[in-house]
Amino acid sequence: MSDESIKDITIIGAGPSGLFTAFEAGMHEASVRIIDSLPESGGQLSALYPEKYIFDVPGFTRITAKDLARNLFGQANQFSPELRLNETVVSIVDKISSEGPAQTLFEVSTDKGVYLSKAIIIAAGLGAFKPRSLGLPEVGRFEGNSVHYFIREKGYFKGKDVIIVGGGDSALDWVINLIDTARGVTLVHRKDTFRAHPNTIQQIGELAKRGRIKILTPFEVKEVYGDEAIKGIRIIDGTGKEADLRADALLLMLGFTSDLGPIEKWGLDIDDSRIKVNLNMETNRKGVFAVGDIANYPGKLKLILTGFSDGARAVKSALPYIRPGDKVRHVHSTSLKIFSKTS
């Protein structure tokens, strides 16, 4: 591997925190490689809720998750980071160890290659996550066809009878989001109570009273049936009462399980599936930093905007490992030549 392949910073994770960290690194003229196991950038924004609106990002009264992901990628891409998607980092090893950071490189091994970097910033969010399923063997053949765990485009459900299974925020939010798109929306939950925001629960109740949606509780899904696509489901309550519901699409909003996977073997101080860092985003390994949801420090708020701040701090803290001996200077975007063309 030639010296040309050595990047100043390797960012593990292309979610909102990772993308903004890449932008901050670019502002400091650091070369960047971003590695993510998902097929597209944006992390949870793109994979879990692309069509949902986000209301707590500064500068936007509201913005869809997919638009925020697109904007963050465009912002980072001004500095042309190397982006490697569908690639999972397996290990991080000190290639050269010494007393000071000047002689330290990291060998980053993935399932597709090996790369060298002067500093590492982990922005892996929840780690590897996968949706919870119903546990019914017949569901698998409909997945990606008429059984869905994520919603990429609302338009796909236009004119369809949709059943949503779940009782949390995602399930109830999508009931509300799809009532003007789908032909009919039915919510099925195994309990009489919901685990969502009180205002959302109230909104759902009002929609049901007006006949805009159907709510069936407490019912569980006993069977999913159909040919190439599903035709309906059979539900059952605690007394053994059963009912058949027609459906063109089934949305399973049952939550997710997350797993740090290989990260747990990287010699990091981990507590409750989060990496402990100090206020400079430093982990217990020199030259390795963590930002966003995966990073934990006293007073941490798990917000997108907090991840942005984490990224700026991590880049500034990483600079001595990239350019040892140089004075670390804070930069403002208004003073950079790359942005002068837009003024």
C-alpha atoms as a PDB file:
ATOM      1  CA  MET A   1       0.000   0.000   0.000  1.00  0.00           C
ATOM      2  CA  SER A   2       1.524   3.304  -1.106  1.00  0.00           C
ATOM      3  CA  ASP A   3       1.773   6.477   0.968  1.00  0.00           C
ATOM      4  CA  GLU A   4      -0.851   8.021  -1.325  1.00  0.00           C
ATOM      5  CA  SER A   5      -3.428   5.714   0.256  1.00  0.00           C
ATOM      6  CA  ILE A   6      -2.824   7.125   3.740  1.00  0.00           C
ATOM      7  CA  LYS A   7      -5.656   9.418   4.802  1.00  0.00           C
ATOM      8  CA  ASP A   8      -5.473  11.978   7.574  1.00  0.00           C
ATOM      9  CA  ILE A   9      -8.786  10.836   9.041  1.00  0.00           C
ATOM     10  CA  THR A  10     -10.882   7.724   8.550  1.00  0.00           C
ATOM     11  CA  ILE A  11     -14.493   8.223   9.613  1.00  0.00           C
ATOM     12  CA  ILE A  12     -16.410   5.056  10.394  1.00  0.00           C
ATOM     13  CA  GLY A  13     -20.049   5.791   9.683  1.00  0.00           C
ATOM     14  CA  ALA A  14     -21.746   7.929   7.020  1.00  0.00           C
ATOM     15  CA  GLY A  15     -24.712   9.083   9.071  1.00  0.00           C
ATOM     16  CA  PRO A  16     -25.382  12.744   9.908  1.00  0.00           C
ATOM     17  CA  SER A  17     -22.579  12.931  12.493  1.00  0.00           C
ATOM     18  CA  GLY A  18     -20.097  11.231  10.185  1.00  0.00           C
ATOM     19  CA  LEU A  19     -20.952  13.419   7.198  1.00  0.00           C
ATOM     20  CA  PHE A  20     -20.694  16.650   9.154  1.00  0.00           C
ATOM     21  CA  THR A  21     -17.421  15.455  10.688  1.00  0.00           C
ATOM     22  CA  ALA A  22     -16.113  14.966   7.141  1.00  0.00           C
ATOM     23  CA  PHE A  23     -17.111  18.545   6.337  1.00  0.00           C
ATOM     24  CA  GLU A  24     -15.307  19.848   9.421  1.00  0.00           C
ATOM     25  CA  ALA A  25     -12.219  17.836   8.475  1.00  0.00           C
ATOM     26  CA  GLY A  26     -12.329  19.341   4.998  1.00  0.00           C
ATOM     27  CA  MET A  27     -12.435  22.830   6.478  1.00  0.00           C
ATOM     28  CA  HIS A  28      -9.132  21.982   8.193  1.00  0.00           C
ATOM     29  CA  GLU A  29      -7.698  20.675   4.892  1.00  0.00           C
ATOM     30  CA  ALA A  30      -7.551  17.108   6.192  1.00  0.00           C
ATOM     31  CA  SER A  31      -7.950  14.227   3.747  1.00  0.00           C
ATOM     32  CA  VAL A  32     -10.839  11.941   4.631  1.00  0.00           C
ATOM     33  CA  ARG A  33     -12.024   8.415   4.013  1.00  0.00           C
ATOM     34  CA  ILE A  34     -15.577   7.487   5.074  1.00  0.00           C
ATOM     35  CA  ILE A  35     -16.521   3.821   5.488  1.00  0.00           C
ATOM     36  CA  ASP A  36     -20.073   2.589   6.077  1.00  0.00           C
ATOM     37  CA  SER A  37     -21.677  -0.848   5.988  1.00  0.00           C
ATOM     38  CA  LEU A  38     -24.926   0.516   4.524  1.00  0.00           C
ATOM     39  CA  PRO A  39     -25.475   0.861   0.747  1.00  0.00           C
ATOM     40  CA  GLU A  40     -26.045   4.628   0.917  1.00  0.00           C
ATOM     41  CA  SER A  41     -24.950   7.534   3.060  1.00  0.00           C
ATOM     42  CA  GLY A  42     -27.233   9.119   5.641  1.00  0.00           C
ATOM     43  CA  GLY A  43     -27.322   6.397   8.287  1.00  0.00           C
ATOM     44  CA  GLN A  44     -30.656   6.177  10.099  1.00  0.00           C
ATOM     45  CA  LEU A  45     -31.929   9.204   8.158  1.00  0.00           C
ATOM     46  CA  SER A  46     -31.824   7.233   4.906  1.00  0.00           C
ATOM     47  CA  ALA A  47     -32.343   3.697   6.193  1.00  0.00           C
ATOM     48  CA  LEU A  48     -35.054   4.055   8.836  1.00  0.00           C
ATOM     49  CA  TYR A  49     -37.217   7.113   8.241  1.00  0.00           C
ATOM     50  CA  PRO A  50     -36.340   8.946   4.986  1.00  0.00           C
ATOM     51  CA  GLU A  51     -39.851  10.360   4.516  1.00  0.00           C
ATOM     52  CA  LYS A  52     -40.325  11.597   8.085  1.00  0.00           C
ATOM     53  CA  TYR A  53     -39.977  15.257   8.964  1.00  0.00           C
ATOM     54  CA  ILE A  54     -37.362  16.456  11.433  1.00  0.00           C
ATOM     55  CA  PHE A  55     -38.144  19.654  13.306  1.00  0.00           C
ATOM     56  CA  ASP A  56     -35.137  20.227  15.584  1.00  0.00           C
ATOM     57  CA  VAL A  57     -32.321  20.912  13.116  1.00  0.00           C
ATOM     58  CA  PRO A  58     -31.172  24.551  13.316  1.00  0.00           C
ATOM     59  CA  GLY A  59     -32.116  26.649  10.307  1.00  0.00           C
ATOM     60  CA  PHE A  60     -35.059  24.490   9.203  1.00  0.00           C
ATOM     61  CA  THR A  61     -38.630  24.783  10.446  1.00  0.00           C
ATOM     62  CA  ARG A  62     -38.890  21.241   9.147  1.00  0.00           C
ATOM     63  CA  ILE A  63     -36.971  19.019   6.733  1.00  0.00           C
ATOM     64  CA  THR A  64     -37.414  15.412   5.651  1.00  0.00           C
ATOM     65  CA  ALA A  65     -34.751  12.994   6.820  1.00  0.00           C
ATOM     66  CA  LYS A  66     -33.779  12.126   3.247  1.00  0.00           C
ATOM     67  CA  ASP A  67     -33.366  15.807   2.338  1.00  0.00           C
ATOM     68  CA  LEU A  68     -31.217  16.411   5.411  1.00  0.00           C
ATOM     69  CA  ALA A  69     -29.071  13.405   4.479  1.00  0.00           C
ATOM     70  CA  ARG A  70     -28.762  14.709   0.913  1.00  0.00           C
ATOM     71  CA  ASN A  71     -27.788  18.184   2.119  1.00  0.00           C
ATOM     72  CA  LEU A  72     -25.203  16.828   4.563  1.00  0.00           C
ATOM     73  CA  PHE A  73     -23.644  14.682   1.845  1.00  0.00           C
ATOM     74  CA  GLY A  74     -23.489  17.658  -0.516  1.00  0.00           C
ATOM     75  CA  GLN A  75     -21.893  19.770   2.198  1.00  0.00           C
ATOM     76  CA  ALA A  76     -19.216  17.154   2.916  1.00  0.00           C
ATOM     77  CA  ASN A  77     -18.675  16.369  -0.761  1.00  0.00           C
ATOM     78  CA  GLN A  78     -17.356  19.883  -1.394  1.00  0.00           C
ATOM     79  CA  PHE A  79     -14.058  18.524  -0.064  1.00  0.00           C
ATOM     80  CA  SER A  80     -14.200  15.257  -2.071  1.00  0.00           C
ATOM     81  CA  PRO A  81     -13.864  12.675   0.707  1.00  0.00           C
ATOM     82  CA  GLU A  82     -13.284   9.077  -0.333  1.00  0.00           C
ATOM     83  CA  LEU A  83     -16.565   7.250   0.286  1.00  0.00           C
ATOM     84  CA  ARG A  84     -16.694   3.477   0.696  1.00  0.00           C
ATOM     85  CA  LEU A  85     -20.201   2.074   1.132  1.00  0.00           C
ATOM     86  CA  ASN A  86     -21.335  -1.529   1.638  1.00  0.00           C
ATOM     87  CA  GLU A  87     -18.096  -2.088   3.521  1.00  0.00           C
ATOM     88  CA  THR A  88     -17.775  -3.141   7.167  1.00  0.00           C
ATOM     89  CA  VAL A  89     -14.791  -2.263   9.343  1.00  0.00           C
ATOM     90  CA  VAL A  90     -13.532  -5.378  11.099  1.00  0.00           C
ATOM     91  CA  SER A  91     -10.513  -4.125  13.059  1.00  0.00           C
ATOM     92  CA  ILE A  92      -8.332  -1.108  13.837  1.00  0.00           C
ATOM     93  CA  VAL A  93      -4.690  -1.889  14.605  1.00  0.00           C
ATOM     94  CA  ASP A  94      -1.784   0.404  15.480  1.00  0.00           C
ATOM     95  CA  LYS A  95       0.506   0.006  12.492  1.00  0.00           C
ATOM     96  CA  ILE A  96       3.420   1.859  14.047  1.00  0.00           C
ATOM     97  CA  SER A  97       3.515   2.553  17.782  1.00  0.00           C
ATOM     98  CA  SER A  98       5.788   5.004  19.580  1.00  0.00           C
ATOM     99  CA  GLU A  99       5.771   7.509  22.426  1.00  0.00           C
ATOM    100  CA  GLY A 100       4.276  10.319  20.364  1.00  0.00           C
ATOM    101  CA  PRO A 101       1.457  10.491  17.842  1.00  0.00           C
ATOM    102  CA  ALA A 102       3.796  11.526  15.015  1.00  0.00           C
ATOM    103  CA  GLN A 103       4.868   7.952  14.362  1.00  0.00           C
ATOM    104  CA  THR A 104       1.478   6.308  14.734  1.00  0.00           C
ATOM    105  CA  LEU A 105      -0.633   5.024  11.868  1.00  0.00           C
ATOM    106  CA  PHE A 106      -3.777   2.955  12.051  1.00  0.00           C
ATOM    107  CA  GLU A 107      -4.402  -0.054   9.858  1.00  0.00           C
ATOM    108  CA  VAL A 108      -8.130  -0.226   9.192  1.00  0.00           C
ATOM    109  CA  SER A 109      -9.229  -3.650   7.969  1.00  0.00           C
ATOM    110  CA  THR A 110     -12.645  -4.120   6.375  1.00  0.00           C
ATOM    111  CA  ASP A 111     -14.389  -7.024   4.698  1.00  0.00           C
ATOM    112  CA  LYS A 112     -13.110  -5.640   1.388  1.00  0.00           C
ATOM    113  CA  GLY A 113      -9.685  -4.122   1.999  1.00  0.00           C
ATOM    114  CA  VAL A 114      -7.038  -2.619   4.258  1.00  0.00           C
ATOM    115  CA  TYR A 115      -6.429   1.126   4.633  1.00  0.00           C
ATOM    116  CA  LEU A 116      -4.041   3.372   6.531  1.00  0.00           C
ATOM    117  CA  SER A 117      -5.003   6.472   8.476  1.00  0.00           C
ATOM    118  CA  LYS A 118      -3.415   8.950  10.875  1.00  0.00           C
ATOM    119  CA  ALA A 119      -6.540   9.275  13.040  1.00  0.00           C
ATOM    120  CA  ILE A 120      -9.856   7.479  13.432  1.00  0.00           C
ATOM    121  CA  ILE A 121     -13.259   8.998  14.201  1.00  0.00           C
ATOM    122  CA  ILE A 122     -16.029   6.514  14.962  1.00  0.00           C
ATOM    123  CA  ALA A 123     -19.493   7.785  14.018  1.00  0.00           C
ATOM    124  CA  ALA A 124     -21.283   4.446  13.930  1.00  0.00           C
ATOM    125  CA  GLY A 125     -24.580   5.553  15.483  1.00  0.00           C
ATOM    126  CA  LEU A 126     -26.385   2.565  16.952  1.00  0.00           C
ATOM    127  CA  GLY A 127     -23.933   0.144  15.407  1.00  0.00           C
ATOM    128  CA  ALA A 128     -25.391  -2.544  13.168  1.00  0.00           C
ATOM    129  CA  PHE A 129     -29.170  -2.471  13.478  1.00  0.00           C
ATOM    130  CA  LYS A 130     -31.901  -4.705  12.134  1.00  0.00           C
ATOM    131  CA  PRO A 131     -35.683  -4.568  12.448  1.00  0.00           C
ATOM    132  CA  ARG A 132     -37.611  -6.914  14.691  1.00  0.00           C
ATOM    133  CA  SER A 133     -39.825  -9.334  12.794  1.00  0.00           C
ATOM    134  CA  LEU A 134     -43.044 -11.132  13.673  1.00  0.00           C
ATOM    135  CA  GLY A 135     -41.290 -14.465  14.031  1.00  0.00           C
ATOM    136  CA  LEU A 136     -43.622 -16.088  11.500  1.00  0.00           C
ATOM    137  CA  PRO A 137     -41.830 -18.245   8.901  1.00  0.00           C
ATOM    138  CA  GLU A 138     -44.115 -17.242   6.029  1.00  0.00           C
ATOM    139  CA  VAL A 139     -43.277 -13.537   6.356  1.00  0.00           C
ATOM    140  CA  GLY A 140     -39.856 -13.907   4.740  1.00  0.00           C
ATOM    141  CA  ARG A 141     -41.143 -14.582   1.231  1.00  0.00           C
ATOM    142  CA  PHE A 142     -43.076 -11.315   1.225  1.00  0.00           C
ATOM    143  CA  GLU A 143     -40.271  -9.107   2.579  1.00  0.00           C
ATOM    144  CA  GLY A 144     -39.277  -6.347   0.176  1.00  0.00           C
ATOM    145  CA  ASN A 145     -42.377  -7.088  -1.869  1.00  0.00           C
ATOM    146  CA  SER A 146     -45.421  -6.319   0.239  1.00  0.00           C
ATOM    147  CA  VAL A 147     -44.000  -6.628   3.760  1.00  0.00           C
ATOM    148  CA  HIS A 148     -41.870  -3.649   4.747  1.00  0.00           C
ATOM    149  CA  TYR A 149     -39.804  -2.520   7.719  1.00  0.00           C
ATOM    150  CA  PHE A 150     -38.816   0.853   6.223  1.00  0.00           C
ATOM    151  CA  ILE A 151     -40.581   3.351   4.007  1.00  0.00           C
ATOM    152  CA  ARG A 152     -38.477   4.764   1.194  1.00  0.00           C
ATOM    153  CA  GLU A 153     -41.212   6.523  -0.783  1.00  0.00           C
ATOM    154  CA  LYS A 154     -44.744   7.227   0.410  1.00  0.00           C
ATOM    155  CA  GLY A 155     -45.995   7.137  -3.168  1.00  0.00           C
ATOM    156  CA  TYR A 156     -45.522   3.366  -3.285  1.00  0.00           C
ATOM    157  CA  PHE A 157     -48.555   2.983  -1.000  1.00  0.00           C
ATOM    158  CA  LYS A 158     -50.903   5.146  -3.053  1.00  0.00           C
ATOM    159  CA  GLY A 159     -54.319   3.525  -3.368  1.00  0.00           C
ATOM    160  CA  LYS A 160     -53.363   0.499  -1.250  1.00  0.00           C
ATOM    161  CA  ASP A 161     -54.890  -0.990   1.855  1.00  0.00           C
ATOM    162  CA  VAL A 162     -52.108  -0.765   4.429  1.00  0.00           C
ATOM    163  CA  ILE A 163     -51.846  -2.509   7.783  1.00  0.00           C
ATOM    164  CA  ILE A 164     -49.324  -1.140  10.263  1.00  0.00           C
ATOM    165  CA  VAL A 165     -48.266  -3.353  13.164  1.00  0.00           C
ATOM    166  CA  GLY A 166     -46.731  -1.671  16.203  1.00  0.00           C
ATOM    167  CA  GLY A 167     -47.425   0.684  19.069  1.00  0.00           C
ATOM    168  CA  GLY A 168     -44.484   3.066  19.185  1.00  0.00           C
ATOM    169  CA  ASP A 169     -43.746   6.463  17.667  1.00  0.00           C
ATOM    170  CA  SER A 170     -42.765   5.081  14.247  1.00  0.00           C
ATOM    171  CA  ALA A 171     -45.964   3.054  13.876  1.00  0.00           C
ATOM    172  CA  LEU A 172     -48.241   5.915  14.884  1.00  0.00           C
ATOM    173  CA  ASP A 173     -46.321   8.515  12.883  1.00  0.00           C
ATOM    174  CA  TRP A 174     -46.701   6.437   9.721  1.00  0.00           C
ATOM    175  CA  VAL A 175     -50.410   5.968  10.308  1.00  0.00           C
ATOM    176  CA  ILE A 176     -50.720   9.745  10.243  1.00  0.00           C
ATOM    177  CA  ASN A 177     -48.352  10.164   7.288  1.00  0.00           C
ATOM    178  CA  LEU A 178     -50.120   7.609   5.088  1.00  0.00           C
ATOM    179  CA  ILE A 179     -53.794   8.502   5.594  1.00  0.00           C
ATOM    180  CA  ASP A 180     -53.757  10.871   2.592  1.00  0.00           C
ATOM    181  CA  THR A 181     -51.800   8.425   0.411  1.00  0.00           C
ATOM    182  CA  ALA A 182     -53.149   4.936   1.104  1.00  0.00           C
ATOM    183  CA  ARG A 183     -56.707   3.841   0.347  1.00  0.00           C
ATOM    184  CA  GLY A 184     -57.091   2.656   3.917  1.00  0.00           C
ATOM    185  CA  VAL A 185     -54.890   2.418   7.011  1.00  0.00           C
ATOM    186  CA  THR A 186     -55.358  -0.055   9.866  1.00  0.00           C
ATOM    187  CA  LEU A 187     -53.243  -0.054  13.021  1.00  0.00           C
ATOM    188  CA  VAL A 188     -52.790  -3.359  14.863  1.00  0.00           C
ATOM    189  CA  HIS A 189     -51.144  -3.485  18.288  1.00  0.00           C
ATOM    190  CA  ARG A 190     -50.813  -6.269  20.839  1.00  0.00           C
ATOM    191  CA  LYS A 191     -51.656  -3.960  23.761  1.00  0.00           C
ATOM    192  CA  ASP A 192     -54.414  -1.460  24.519  1.00  0.00           C
ATOM    193  CA  THR A 193     -51.864   1.263  25.265  1.00  0.00           C
ATOM    194  CA  PHE A 194     -49.283   2.889  22.995  1.00  0.00           C
ATOM    195  CA  ARG A 195     -45.647   3.861  23.620  1.00  0.00           C
ATOM    196  CA  ALA A 196     -45.702   7.091  21.644  1.00  0.00           C
ATOM    197  CA  HIS A 197     -45.783  10.833  22.236  1.00  0.00           C
ATOM    198  CA  PRO A 198     -49.042  11.850  23.992  1.00  0.00           C
ATOM    199  CA  ASN A 199     -49.945  14.327  21.240  1.00  0.00           C
ATOM    200  CA  THR A 200     -49.532  11.618  18.605  1.00  0.00           C
ATOM    201  CA  ILE A 201     -51.701   9.197  20.581  1.00  0.00           C
ATOM    202  CA  GLN A 202     -54.398  11.858  20.867  1.00  0.00           C
ATOM    203  CA  GLN A 203     -54.196  12.544  17.138  1.00  0.00           C
ATOM    204  CA  ILE A 204     -54.566   8.842  16.350  1.00  0.00           C
ATOM    205  CA  GLY A 205     -57.629   8.602  18.586  1.00  0.00           C
ATOM    206  CA  GLU A 206     -59.294  11.536  16.853  1.00  0.00           C
ATOM    207  CA  LEU A 207     -58.614  10.035  13.413  1.00  0.00           C
ATOM    208  CA  ALA A 208     -60.208   6.766  14.512  1.00  0.00           C
ATOM    209  CA  LYS A 209     -63.305   8.571  15.839  1.00  0.00           C
ATOM    210  CA  ARG A 210     -63.724  10.301  12.470  1.00  0.00           C
ATOM    211  CA  GLY A 211     -63.403   6.994  10.628  1.00  0.00           C
ATOM    212  CA  ARG A 212     -60.180   7.973   8.886  1.00  0.00           C
ATOM    213  CA  ILE A 213     -58.331   4.931  10.270  1.00  0.00           C
ATOM    214  CA  LYS A 214     -59.061   1.652  12.053  1.00  0.00           C
ATOM    215  CA  ILE A 215     -57.395   0.669  15.330  1.00  0.00           C
ATOM    216  CA  LEU A 216     -57.456  -2.968  16.448  1.00  0.00           C
ATOM    217  CA  THR A 217     -56.157  -3.725  19.957  1.00  0.00           C
ATOM    218  CA  PRO A 218     -55.145  -5.886  21.723  1.00  0.00           C
ATOM    219  CA  PHE A 219     -54.395  -8.177  18.776  1.00  0.00           C
ATOM    220  CA  GLU A 220     -51.343 -10.067  17.567  1.00  0.00           C
ATOM    221  CA  VAL A 221     -50.637 -11.258  14.041  1.00  0.00           C
ATOM    222  CA  LYS A 222     -51.184 -15.015  13.819  1.00  0.00           C
ATOM    223  CA  GLU A 223     -50.701 -15.519  10.089  1.00  0.00           C
ATOM    224  CA  VAL A 224     -49.694 -13.663   6.935  1.00  0.00           C
ATOM    225  CA  TYR A 225     -51.021 -15.112   3.680  1.00  0.00           C
ATOM    226  CA  GLY A 226     -51.001 -14.454  -0.048  1.00  0.00           C
ATOM    227  CA  ASP A 227     -49.493 -15.568  -3.349  1.00  0.00           C
ATOM    228  CA  GLU A 228     -46.665 -13.499  -4.831  1.00  0.00           C
ATOM    229  CA  ALA A 229     -47.717 -10.624  -2.591  1.00  0.00           C
ATOM    230  CA  ILE A 230     -49.712 -10.652   0.614  1.00  0.00           C
ATOM    231  CA  LYS A 231     -53.480 -10.654   0.425  1.00  0.00           C
ATOM    232  CA  GLY A 232     -54.193 -10.356   4.118  1.00  0.00           C
ATOM    233  CA  ILE A 233     -53.377 -11.248   7.692  1.00  0.00           C
ATOM    234  CA  ARG A 234     -55.103 -13.166  10.461  1.00  0.00           C
ATOM    235  CA  ILE A 235     -55.067 -11.598  13.926  1.00  0.00           C
ATOM    236  CA  ILE A 236     -55.923 -13.034  17.328  1.00  0.00           C
ATOM    237  CA  ASP A 237     -56.602 -11.539  20.753  1.00  0.00           C
ATOM    238  CA  GLY A 238     -56.035 -12.912  24.251  1.00  0.00           C
ATOM    239  CA  THR A 239     -59.405 -14.678  24.326  1.00  0.00           C
ATOM    240  CA  GLY A 240     -58.726 -16.593  21.129  1.00  0.00           C
ATOM    241  CA  LYS A 241     -60.942 -14.391  18.985  1.00  0.00           C
ATOM    242  CA  GLU A 242     -59.653 -14.246  15.408  1.00  0.00           C
ATOM    243  CA  ALA A 243     -60.262 -11.910  12.481  1.00  0.00           C
ATOM    244  CA  ASP A 244     -59.044 -11.684   8.884  1.00  0.00           C
ATOM    245  CA  LEU A 245     -57.939  -8.362   7.434  1.00  0.00           C
ATOM    246  CA  ARG A 246     -57.382  -7.625   3.770  1.00  0.00           C
ATOM    247  CA  ALA A 247     -54.072  -5.952   2.951  1.00  0.00           C
ATOM    248  CA  ASP A 248     -51.998  -4.899  -0.034  1.00  0.00           C
ATOM    249  CA  ALA A 249     -49.058  -3.911   2.163  1.00  0.00           C
ATOM    250  CA  LEU A 250     -47.938  -4.750   5.682  1.00  0.00           C
ATOM    251  CA  LEU A 251     -45.671  -2.396   7.616  1.00  0.00           C
ATOM    252  CA  LEU A 252     -43.920  -3.953  10.594  1.00  0.00           C
ATOM    253  CA  MET A 253     -42.930  -1.172  12.991  1.00  0.00           C
ATOM    254  CA  LEU A 254     -41.781  -3.329  15.891  1.00  0.00           C
ATOM    255  CA  GLY A 255     -38.554  -1.568  16.740  1.00  0.00           C
ATOM    256  CA  PHE A 256     -34.956  -2.519  16.100  1.00  0.00           C
ATOM    257  CA  THR A 257     -32.151  -4.444  17.693  1.00  0.00           C
ATOM    258  CA  SER A 258     -28.674  -2.939  17.583  1.00  0.00           C
ATOM    259  CA  ASP A 259     -25.296  -4.590  17.892  1.00  0.00           C
ATOM    260  CA  LEU A 260     -21.863  -2.977  18.049  1.00  0.00           C
ATOM    261  CA  GLY A 261     -20.439  -6.067  16.374  1.00  0.00           C
ATOM    262  CA  PRO A 262     -16.665  -5.831  15.718  1.00  0.00           C
ATOM    263  CA  ILE A 263     -16.437  -2.463  17.528  1.00  0.00           C
ATOM    264  CA  GLU A 264     -16.562  -4.295  20.858  1.00  0.00           C
ATOM    265  CA  LYS A 265     -13.228  -5.926  19.997  1.00  0.00           C
ATOM    266  CA  TRP A 266     -11.313  -2.716  19.240  1.00  0.00           C
ATOM    267  CA  GLY A 267     -10.005  -2.200  22.771  1.00  0.00           C
ATOM    268  CA  LEU A 268     -12.329   0.701  23.536  1.00  0.00           C
ATOM    269  CA  ASP A 269     -13.931   1.577  26.865  1.00  0.00           C
ATOM    270  CA  ILE A 270     -17.586   0.700  26.231  1.00  0.00           C
ATOM    271  CA  ASP A 271     -20.514   1.048  28.598  1.00  0.00           C
ATOM    272  CA  ASP A 272     -24.125   0.249  27.719  1.00  0.00           C
ATOM    273  CA  SER A 273     -23.259  -0.100  24.004  1.00  0.00           C
ATOM    274  CA  ARG A 274     -21.703   3.373  23.847  1.00  0.00           C
ATOM    275  CA  ILE A 275     -18.060   4.407  23.689  1.00  0.00           C
ATOM    276  CA  LYS A 276     -16.808   6.489  26.596  1.00  0.00           C
ATOM    277  CA  VAL A 277     -15.092   9.713  25.526  1.00  0.00           C
ATOM    278  CA  ASN A 278     -13.937  12.891  27.224  1.00  0.00           C
ATOM    279  CA  LEU A 279     -15.123  16.348  26.187  1.00  0.00           C
ATOM    280  CA  ASN A 280     -12.539  16.358  23.384  1.00  0.00           C
ATOM    281  CA  MET A 281     -14.191  13.212  21.979  1.00  0.00           C
ATOM    282  CA  GLU A 282     -11.072  11.181  22.803  1.00  0.00           C
ATOM    283  CA  THR A 283     -11.479   7.482  23.579  1.00  0.00           C
ATOM    284  CA  ASN A 284      -9.064   5.490  25.717  1.00  0.00           C
ATOM    285  CA  ARG A 285      -7.052   4.750  22.547  1.00  0.00           C
ATOM    286  CA  LYS A 286      -4.767   7.567  21.413  1.00  0.00           C
ATOM    287  CA  GLY A 287      -5.772   8.904  18.028  1.00  0.00           C
ATOM    288  CA  VAL A 288      -9.198   7.243  18.109  1.00  0.00           C
ATOM    289  CA  PHE A 289     -12.254   9.440  18.659  1.00  0.00           C
ATOM    290  CA  ALA A 290     -16.011   8.854  18.769  1.00  0.00           C
ATOM    291  CA  VAL A 291     -18.920  11.167  17.908  1.00  0.00           C
ATOM    292  CA  GLY A 292     -22.702  11.116  17.666  1.00  0.00           C
ATOM    293  CA  ASP A 293     -25.020   8.558  19.244  1.00  0.00           C
ATOM    294  CA  ILE A 294     -22.246   6.036  19.849  1.00  0.00           C
ATOM    295  CA  ALA A 295     -20.218   8.495  21.957  1.00  0.00           C
ATOM    296  CA  ASN A 296     -21.002   8.928  25.641  1.00  0.00           C
ATOM    297  CA  TYR A 297     -19.842  11.623  28.048  1.00  0.00           C
ATOM    298  CA  PRO A 298     -21.407  13.382  31.060  1.00  0.00           C
ATOM    299  CA  GLY A 299     -24.391  15.484  30.028  1.00  0.00           C
ATOM    300  CA  LYS A 300     -24.575  14.022  26.514  1.00  0.00           C
ATOM    301  CA  LEU A 301     -27.822  14.674  24.634  1.00  0.00           C
ATOM    302  CA  LYS A 302     -28.672  12.185  21.880  1.00  0.00           C
ATOM    303  CA  LEU A 303     -29.626  14.735  19.232  1.00  0.00           C
ATOM    304  CA  ILE A 304     -28.532  15.220  15.632  1.00  0.00           C
ATOM    305  CA  LEU A 305     -27.234  18.699  16.410  1.00  0.00           C
ATOM    306  CA  THR A 306     -25.154  17.324  19.301  1.00  0.00           C
ATOM    307  CA  GLY A 307     -23.475  14.989  16.825  1.00  0.00           C
ATOM    308  CA  PHE A 308     -22.506  18.003  14.722  1.00  0.00           C
ATOM    309  CA  SER A 309     -20.807  19.607  17.718  1.00  0.00           C
ATOM    310  CA  ASP A 310     -19.108  16.309  18.552  1.00  0.00           C
ATOM    311  CA  GLY A 311     -17.706  16.161  15.027  1.00  0.00           C
ATOM    312  CA  ALA A 312     -16.207  19.640  15.195  1.00  0.00           C
ATOM    313  CA  ARG A 313     -14.553  18.840  18.534  1.00  0.00           C
ATOM    314  CA  ALA A 314     -13.222  15.496  17.317  1.00  0.00           C
ATOM    315  CA  VAL A 315     -11.608  16.982  14.220  1.00  0.00           C
ATOM    316  CA  LYS A 316      -9.919  19.708  16.232  1.00  0.00           C
ATOM    317  CA  SER A 317      -8.670  17.088  18.711  1.00  0.00           C
ATOM    318  CA  ALA A 318      -7.397  14.890  15.869  1.00  0.00           C
ATOM    319  CA  LEU A 319      -5.276  17.600  14.227  1.00  0.00           C
ATOM    320  CA  PRO A 320      -2.194  17.043  16.458  1.00  0.00           C
ATOM    321  CA  TYR A 321      -2.139  13.430  15.260  1.00  0.00           C
ATOM    322  CA  ILE A 322      -2.340  14.571  11.659  1.00  0.00           C
ATOM    323  CA  ARG A 323       0.124  17.458  11.781  1.00  0.00           C
ATOM    324  CA  PRO A 324       2.211  16.986  14.939  1.00  0.00           C
ATOM    325  CA  GLY A 325       3.940  20.150  16.048  1.00  0.00           C
ATOM    326  CA  ASP A 326       1.628  22.501  14.145  1.00  0.00           C
ATOM    327  CA  LYS A 327      -0.430  24.997  16.084  1.00  0.00           C
ATOM    328  CA  VAL A 328      -4.105  24.059  16.054  1.00  0.00           C
ATOM    329  CA  ARG A 329      -6.131  26.977  14.755  1.00  0.00           C
ATOM    330  CA  HIS A 330      -9.882  27.296  14.711  1.00  0.00           C
ATOM    331  CA  VAL A 331     -11.243  28.059  11.247  1.00  0.00           C
ATOM    332  CA  HIS A 332     -14.403  29.864  10.192  1.00  0.00           C
ATOM    333  CA  SER A 333     -16.176  28.973   6.956  1.00  0.00           C
ATOM    334  CA  THR A 334     -16.458  32.658   6.049  1.00  0.00           C
ATOM    335  CA  SER A 335     -12.679  32.906   5.775  1.00  0.00           C
ATOM    336  CA  LEU A 336     -12.132  29.901   3.480  1.00  0.00           C
ATOM    337  CA  LYS A 337     -11.397  30.431  -0.205  1.00  0.00           C
ATOM    338  CA  ILE A 338     -13.491  27.435  -1.266  1.00  0.00           C
ATOM    339  CA  PHE A 339     -16.623  29.280  -0.146  1.00  0.00           C
ATOM    340  CA  SER A 340     -15.671  32.691  -1.543  1.00  0.00           C
ATOM    341  CA  LYS A 341     -17.151  31.754  -4.935  1.00  0.00           C
ATOM    342  CA  THR A 342     -20.631  31.684  -3.445  1.00  0.00           C
ATOM    343  CA  SER A 343     -20.412  35.089  -1.801  1.00  0.00           C
END
